[in-house]
Protein backbone atom coordinates (compact mmCIF):
# COMPACT_ATOMS: atom_id res chain seq x y z
CA UNK A 1 54.32 17.19 -34.77
CA UNK A 2 53.00 14.46 -32.49
CA UNK A 3 49.68 15.38 -30.85
CA UNK A 4 49.30 14.79 -27.11
CA UNK A 5 46.49 12.44 -26.07
CA UNK A 6 46.74 13.27 -22.34
CA UNK A 7 43.49 14.02 -20.61
CA UNK A 8 42.97 17.64 -19.71
CA UNK A 9 41.85 17.76 -16.05
CA UNK A 10 41.25 21.50 -15.97
CA UNK A 11 37.49 21.36 -16.93
CA UNK A 12 36.95 18.74 -14.17
CA UNK A 13 38.75 20.90 -11.65
CA UNK A 14 36.38 23.79 -12.56
CA UNK A 15 33.27 21.69 -11.82
CA UNK A 16 34.76 20.06 -8.75
CA UNK A 17 33.32 22.46 -6.18
CA UNK A 18 29.80 22.14 -7.56
CA UNK A 19 30.20 18.35 -7.78
CA UNK A 20 31.33 18.20 -4.16
CA UNK A 21 28.41 20.35 -3.07
CA UNK A 22 25.98 18.08 -5.01
CA UNK A 23 27.46 14.96 -3.41
CA UNK A 24 27.46 16.34 0.12
CA UNK A 25 24.09 18.12 0.12
CA UNK A 26 22.03 15.96 -2.32
CA UNK A 27 23.38 12.48 -2.96
CA UNK A 28 24.63 11.66 0.57
CA UNK A 29 21.36 12.80 2.32
CA UNK A 30 19.25 10.72 -0.07
CA UNK A 31 21.37 7.60 0.56
CA UNK A 32 21.35 8.20 4.29
CA UNK A 33 17.61 8.72 4.19
CA UNK A 34 17.15 5.22 2.67
CA UNK A 35 19.47 3.82 5.30
CA UNK A 36 17.65 5.53 8.20
CA UNK A 37 14.28 4.27 6.99
CA UNK A 38 15.31 0.72 7.88
CA UNK A 39 15.72 1.52 11.55
CA UNK A 40 13.67 2.35 14.61
CA UNK A 41 15.53 5.30 16.11
CA UNK A 42 15.23 6.56 19.70
CA UNK A 43 17.46 9.56 20.10
CA UNK A 44 16.65 9.93 23.83
CA UNK A 45 18.36 6.62 24.61
CA UNK A 46 20.52 6.68 21.48
CA UNK A 47 19.24 3.23 20.34
CA UNK A 48 19.06 2.11 16.72
CA UNK A 49 17.05 -1.06 16.09
CA UNK A 50 17.28 -2.56 12.60
CA UNK A 51 13.77 -3.44 11.43
CA UNK A 52 14.36 -3.90 7.71
CA UNK A 53 11.10 -3.01 5.84
CA UNK A 54 8.85 -3.02 8.93
CA UNK A 55 8.52 0.79 8.89
CA UNK A 56 7.10 0.58 5.34
CA UNK A 57 4.68 -2.22 6.32
CA UNK A 58 3.50 -0.24 9.35
CA UNK A 59 2.82 2.85 7.28
CA UNK A 60 0.99 0.74 4.68
CA UNK A 61 -1.44 -0.36 7.39
CA UNK A 62 -1.73 3.01 9.13
CA UNK A 63 -5.07 4.73 8.55
CA UNK A 64 -3.63 8.08 9.57
CA UNK A 65 -0.80 7.86 7.02
CA UNK A 66 -3.13 6.63 4.28
CA UNK A 67 -5.36 9.65 5.00
CA UNK A 68 -2.35 11.93 4.69
CA UNK A 69 -1.52 10.35 1.31
CA UNK A 70 -5.09 10.85 0.16
CA UNK A 71 -4.95 14.49 1.25
CA UNK A 72 -1.67 15.01 -0.65
CA UNK A 73 -3.06 13.50 -3.84
CA UNK A 74 -6.28 15.52 -3.66
CA UNK A 75 -4.37 18.72 -2.87
CA UNK A 76 -1.94 18.19 -5.71
CA UNK A 77 -4.62 17.25 -8.29
CA UNK A 78 -6.98 20.06 -7.65
CA UNK A 79 -4.29 22.70 -7.17
CA UNK A 80 -2.48 21.78 -10.41
CA UNK A 81 -5.57 21.23 -12.51
CA UNK A 82 -7.37 24.37 -11.53
CA UNK A 83 -4.31 26.59 -11.43
CA UNK A 84 -2.98 25.49 -14.86
CA UNK A 85 -6.40 25.77 -16.57
CA UNK A 86 -7.22 29.13 -14.98
CA UNK A 87 -3.71 30.43 -15.75
CA UNK A 88 -4.06 29.53 -19.41
CA UNK A 89 -7.42 31.31 -19.69
CA UNK A 90 -6.18 34.47 -17.89
CA UNK A 91 -2.97 34.52 -19.90
CA UNK A 92 -4.97 34.46 -23.17
CA UNK A 93 -7.06 37.37 -21.92
CA UNK A 94 -4.12 39.43 -20.60
CA UNK A 95 -1.77 38.93 -23.51
CA UNK A 96 -2.64 42.21 -25.17
CA UNK A 97 -0.69 45.46 -25.69
CA UNK A 98 -1.48 48.47 -23.58
CA UNK A 99 -0.59 49.92 -20.21
CA UNK A 100 -3.72 48.59 -18.56
CA UNK A 101 -2.96 44.98 -19.45
CA UNK A 102 0.69 45.47 -18.41
CA UNK A 103 -0.49 46.77 -15.01
CA UNK A 104 -2.88 43.85 -14.59
CA UNK A 105 -0.07 41.41 -15.48
CA UNK A 106 2.15 42.98 -12.81
CA UNK A 107 -0.66 42.90 -10.25
CA UNK A 108 -1.37 39.27 -10.94
CA UNK A 109 2.29 38.28 -10.68
CA UNK A 110 2.82 40.13 -7.37
CA UNK A 111 1.56 37.28 -5.10
CA UNK A 112 4.40 35.08 -6.48
CA UNK A 113 7.13 37.25 -5.03
CA UNK A 114 5.49 37.55 -1.56
CA UNK A 115 6.68 34.88 0.96
CA UNK A 116 4.13 32.12 1.41
CA UNK A 117 4.15 32.57 5.20
CA UNK A 118 3.00 36.18 4.79
CA UNK A 119 0.32 35.13 2.34
CA UNK A 120 -0.83 32.45 4.73
CA UNK A 121 -1.19 34.91 7.55
CA UNK A 122 -3.25 37.21 5.27
CA UNK A 123 -5.54 34.39 4.25
CA UNK A 124 -5.86 33.28 7.89
CA UNK A 125 -7.50 36.66 8.57
CA UNK A 126 -9.64 36.54 5.45
CA UNK A 127 -10.85 33.01 6.39
CA UNK A 128 -11.73 33.80 9.95
CA UNK A 129 -15.12 32.26 10.65
CA UNK A 130 -16.48 35.26 12.51
CA UNK A 131 -14.80 38.38 11.12
CA UNK A 132 -13.14 37.18 7.87
CA UNK A 133 -13.55 39.00 4.61
CA UNK A 134 -14.64 35.81 2.77
CA UNK A 135 -17.56 35.18 5.12
CA UNK A 136 -18.49 38.87 4.91
CA UNK A 137 -18.69 38.57 1.07
CA UNK A 138 -20.84 35.40 1.46
CA UNK A 139 -23.14 37.33 3.79
CA UNK A 140 -23.47 40.11 1.23
CA UNK A 141 -24.49 37.44 -1.30
CA UNK A 142 -27.02 35.95 1.16
CA UNK A 143 -25.05 32.67 1.25
CA UNK A 144 -24.34 30.64 4.38
CA UNK A 145 -21.02 31.21 6.13
CA UNK A 146 -18.25 28.64 5.87
CA UNK A 147 -15.91 27.46 8.65
CA UNK A 148 -12.95 27.43 6.22
CA UNK A 149 -9.80 26.29 8.03
CA UNK A 150 -11.72 25.46 11.25
CA UNK A 151 -13.76 22.61 9.74
CA UNK A 152 -12.62 19.17 8.51
CA UNK A 153 -14.98 19.53 5.59
CA UNK A 154 -13.42 22.73 4.26
CA UNK A 155 -9.87 22.92 5.57
CA UNK A 156 -8.23 21.12 2.64
CA UNK A 157 -10.30 23.17 0.24
CA UNK A 158 -9.04 26.33 1.90
CA UNK A 159 -5.41 25.29 1.47
CA UNK A 160 -6.11 24.55 -2.16
CA UNK A 161 -7.63 28.05 -2.63
CA UNK A 162 -4.47 29.71 -1.15
CA UNK A 163 -2.20 27.57 -3.33
CA UNK A 164 -4.09 28.47 -6.49
CA UNK A 165 -4.03 32.17 -5.69
CA UNK A 166 -0.23 31.94 -4.96
CA UNK A 167 0.70 30.09 -8.15
CA UNK A 168 -1.43 31.99 -10.67
CA UNK A 169 1.07 34.81 -11.17
CA UNK A 170 4.04 32.64 -11.97
CA UNK A 171 1.99 30.43 -14.29
CA UNK A 172 0.38 33.33 -16.16
CA UNK A 173 3.77 35.06 -16.65
CA UNK A 174 5.26 31.80 -17.94
CA UNK A 175 2.47 31.29 -20.46
CA UNK A 176 2.62 34.88 -21.68
CA UNK A 177 6.39 34.50 -22.18
CA UNK A 178 5.75 31.37 -24.20
CA UNK A 179 3.15 33.11 -26.26
CA UNK A 180 5.55 35.88 -27.12
CA UNK A 181 7.87 33.15 -28.53
CA UNK A 182 5.31 31.92 -31.02
CA UNK A 183 6.23 33.08 -34.59
CA UNK A 184 4.02 35.88 -35.68
CA UNK A 185 3.75 34.65 -39.27
CA UNK A 186 2.11 31.47 -38.04
CA UNK A 187 -0.62 33.45 -36.26
CA UNK A 188 -1.05 35.79 -39.22
CA UNK A 189 -1.39 32.86 -41.60
CA UNK A 190 -4.07 31.32 -39.43
CA UNK A 191 -6.03 34.60 -39.35
CA UNK A 192 -5.77 34.90 -43.12
CA UNK A 193 -7.21 31.42 -43.41
CA UNK A 194 -10.24 32.73 -41.41
CA UNK A 195 -9.47 30.69 -38.28
CA UNK A 196 -11.90 31.67 -35.52
CA UNK A 197 -10.50 32.47 -32.04
CA UNK A 198 -11.37 28.99 -30.67
CA UNK A 199 -9.47 27.19 -33.45
CA UNK A 200 -6.62 29.65 -33.20
CA UNK A 201 -6.24 28.80 -29.50
CA UNK A 202 -6.80 25.02 -29.73
CA UNK A 203 -5.03 24.31 -33.02
CA UNK A 204 -2.19 26.87 -33.07
CA UNK A 205 -1.46 28.47 -29.70
CA UNK A 206 -1.79 25.50 -27.36
CA UNK A 207 0.25 23.09 -29.51
CA UNK A 208 3.02 25.66 -29.87
CA UNK A 209 2.79 26.34 -26.15
CA UNK A 210 3.17 22.66 -25.32
CA UNK A 211 6.84 22.97 -24.13
CA UNK A 212 5.89 25.79 -21.80
CA UNK A 213 2.76 24.00 -20.57
CA UNK A 214 4.79 20.80 -19.97
CA UNK A 215 7.37 22.70 -17.89
CA UNK A 216 4.62 24.53 -15.98
CA UNK A 217 2.76 21.25 -15.26
CA UNK A 218 5.90 19.46 -14.03
CA UNK A 219 6.95 22.30 -11.77
CA UNK A 220 3.43 22.73 -10.30
CA UNK A 221 3.10 18.98 -9.57
CA UNK A 222 6.42 18.82 -7.74
CA UNK A 223 5.69 22.04 -5.84
CA UNK A 224 2.21 20.92 -4.79
CA UNK A 225 3.56 17.61 -3.43
CA UNK A 226 6.10 19.48 -1.33
CA UNK A 227 3.75 22.04 0.31
CA UNK A 228 4.58 22.87 3.94
CA UNK A 229 4.43 26.57 4.77
CA UNK A 230 0.68 27.20 4.31
CA UNK A 231 -0.21 23.92 6.12
CA UNK A 232 2.00 24.87 9.09
CA UNK A 233 0.64 28.43 9.36
CA UNK A 234 -3.07 27.90 8.56
CA UNK A 235 -4.14 24.51 9.85
CA UNK A 236 -1.15 22.57 11.39
CA UNK A 237 -2.66 19.57 9.60
CA UNK A 238 -6.00 19.81 11.38
CA UNK A 239 -8.73 19.70 12.28
CA UNK A 240 -8.68 15.95 12.83
CA UNK A 241 -5.88 15.39 10.34
CA UNK A 242 -8.15 16.58 7.55
CA UNK A 243 -5.60 18.93 5.99
CA UNK A 244 -2.39 17.10 6.87
CA UNK A 245 -0.15 16.40 3.82
CA UNK A 246 2.95 14.30 3.41
CA UNK A 247 5.70 16.89 4.03
CA UNK A 248 4.04 18.20 7.14
CA UNK A 249 3.49 14.68 8.40
CA UNK A 250 7.21 14.02 7.98
CA UNK A 251 8.00 17.14 9.93
CA UNK A 252 5.60 16.22 12.70
CA UNK A 253 6.80 12.63 12.93
CA UNK A 254 10.46 13.55 12.96
CA UNK A 255 10.70 16.78 14.90
CA UNK A 256 7.59 16.64 17.15
CA UNK A 257 7.26 12.97 17.91
CA UNK A 258 11.01 12.16 17.40
CA UNK A 259 10.33 9.04 15.28
CA UNK A 260 13.12 9.61 12.84
CA UNK A 261 12.93 6.12 11.31
CA UNK A 262 9.26 6.49 10.42
CA UNK A 263 9.83 10.05 9.23
CA UNK A 264 12.66 8.92 6.95
CA UNK A 265 10.32 6.19 5.65
CA UNK A 266 7.71 8.84 4.78
CA UNK A 267 10.42 10.95 3.12
CA UNK A 268 11.46 7.96 0.98
CA UNK A 269 7.86 7.43 -0.04
CA UNK A 270 7.60 11.11 -1.03
CA UNK A 271 10.84 10.85 -3.04
CA UNK A 272 9.47 7.81 -4.87
CA UNK A 273 6.11 9.45 -5.56
CA UNK A 274 7.66 12.64 -6.90
CA UNK A 275 10.11 10.64 -9.07
CA UNK A 276 7.38 8.37 -10.45
CA UNK A 277 4.97 11.25 -11.18
CA UNK A 278 7.78 13.22 -12.93
CA UNK A 279 8.83 10.19 -15.00
CA UNK A 280 5.25 9.43 -15.92
CA UNK A 281 4.72 13.00 -16.92
CA UNK A 282 7.74 12.87 -19.20
CA UNK A 283 6.83 9.49 -20.75
CA UNK A 284 3.16 10.31 -21.38
CA UNK A 285 3.49 13.90 -22.60
CA UNK A 286 6.84 13.65 -24.42
CA UNK A 287 5.28 12.67 -27.73
CA UNK A 288 2.75 15.51 -27.51
CA UNK A 289 5.27 18.34 -27.23
CA UNK A 290 5.76 20.36 -30.36
CA UNK A 291 8.92 22.42 -30.73
CA UNK A 292 9.05 25.19 -33.33
């Protein structure tokens, strides 16, 4: 019997709706974003002036935009570094049997399921310079009060603190799930070889957790570079642009100042930064990941 070599189109028809959605809502907006970044757009008079790469050159010489980039880098670095390290330590302490530890795990994870806007409103009250809980605690410890979100010196630090508190639950749960996947015989063999807790963590647990840690690091970096809600609710980018980050700057430029060409240019820069950081993360850490 002669076999038919005709192409079966049925699998492609099954994925066609998802493919159309991806093209319409992902690929087309990205292409149009690059196109829009080459224009000066005035929607009030409906004028589009082609300026080529002038928008990029203007942003490269803008002190305000460079400060926003610096804030974004600092926010991402400190949020990711502190959150990931603290999550690993807390996960190692909480990964124990018993109802108490299970209750603490649930309590630690709870901030992750609360909307960031609600969390930001809560922290806005806690960081109030006159009646906030944090300054009350500092007063009990006989320490000077801080201005928190009302001072250029501490506004970005305040946003970082909120982001760390928000991300801890997800990171801890992710690490604990990864620790449960480590083969028990490996840990028992290490204990039989008289491995102390420090060597057990550094030589066994962390290497075997490397896929989980790599995923956690990548997700946290991308999430930190795309922060918007807490900035909008807590500081609105102020005071004096001290807590403004790239996504909020794009929102302000496009929807408050109606400079859609410049806003699209900033969005392209954000897209390039996220892509480069993600690729660098894969290239640098790929050889250090151990799968078991």
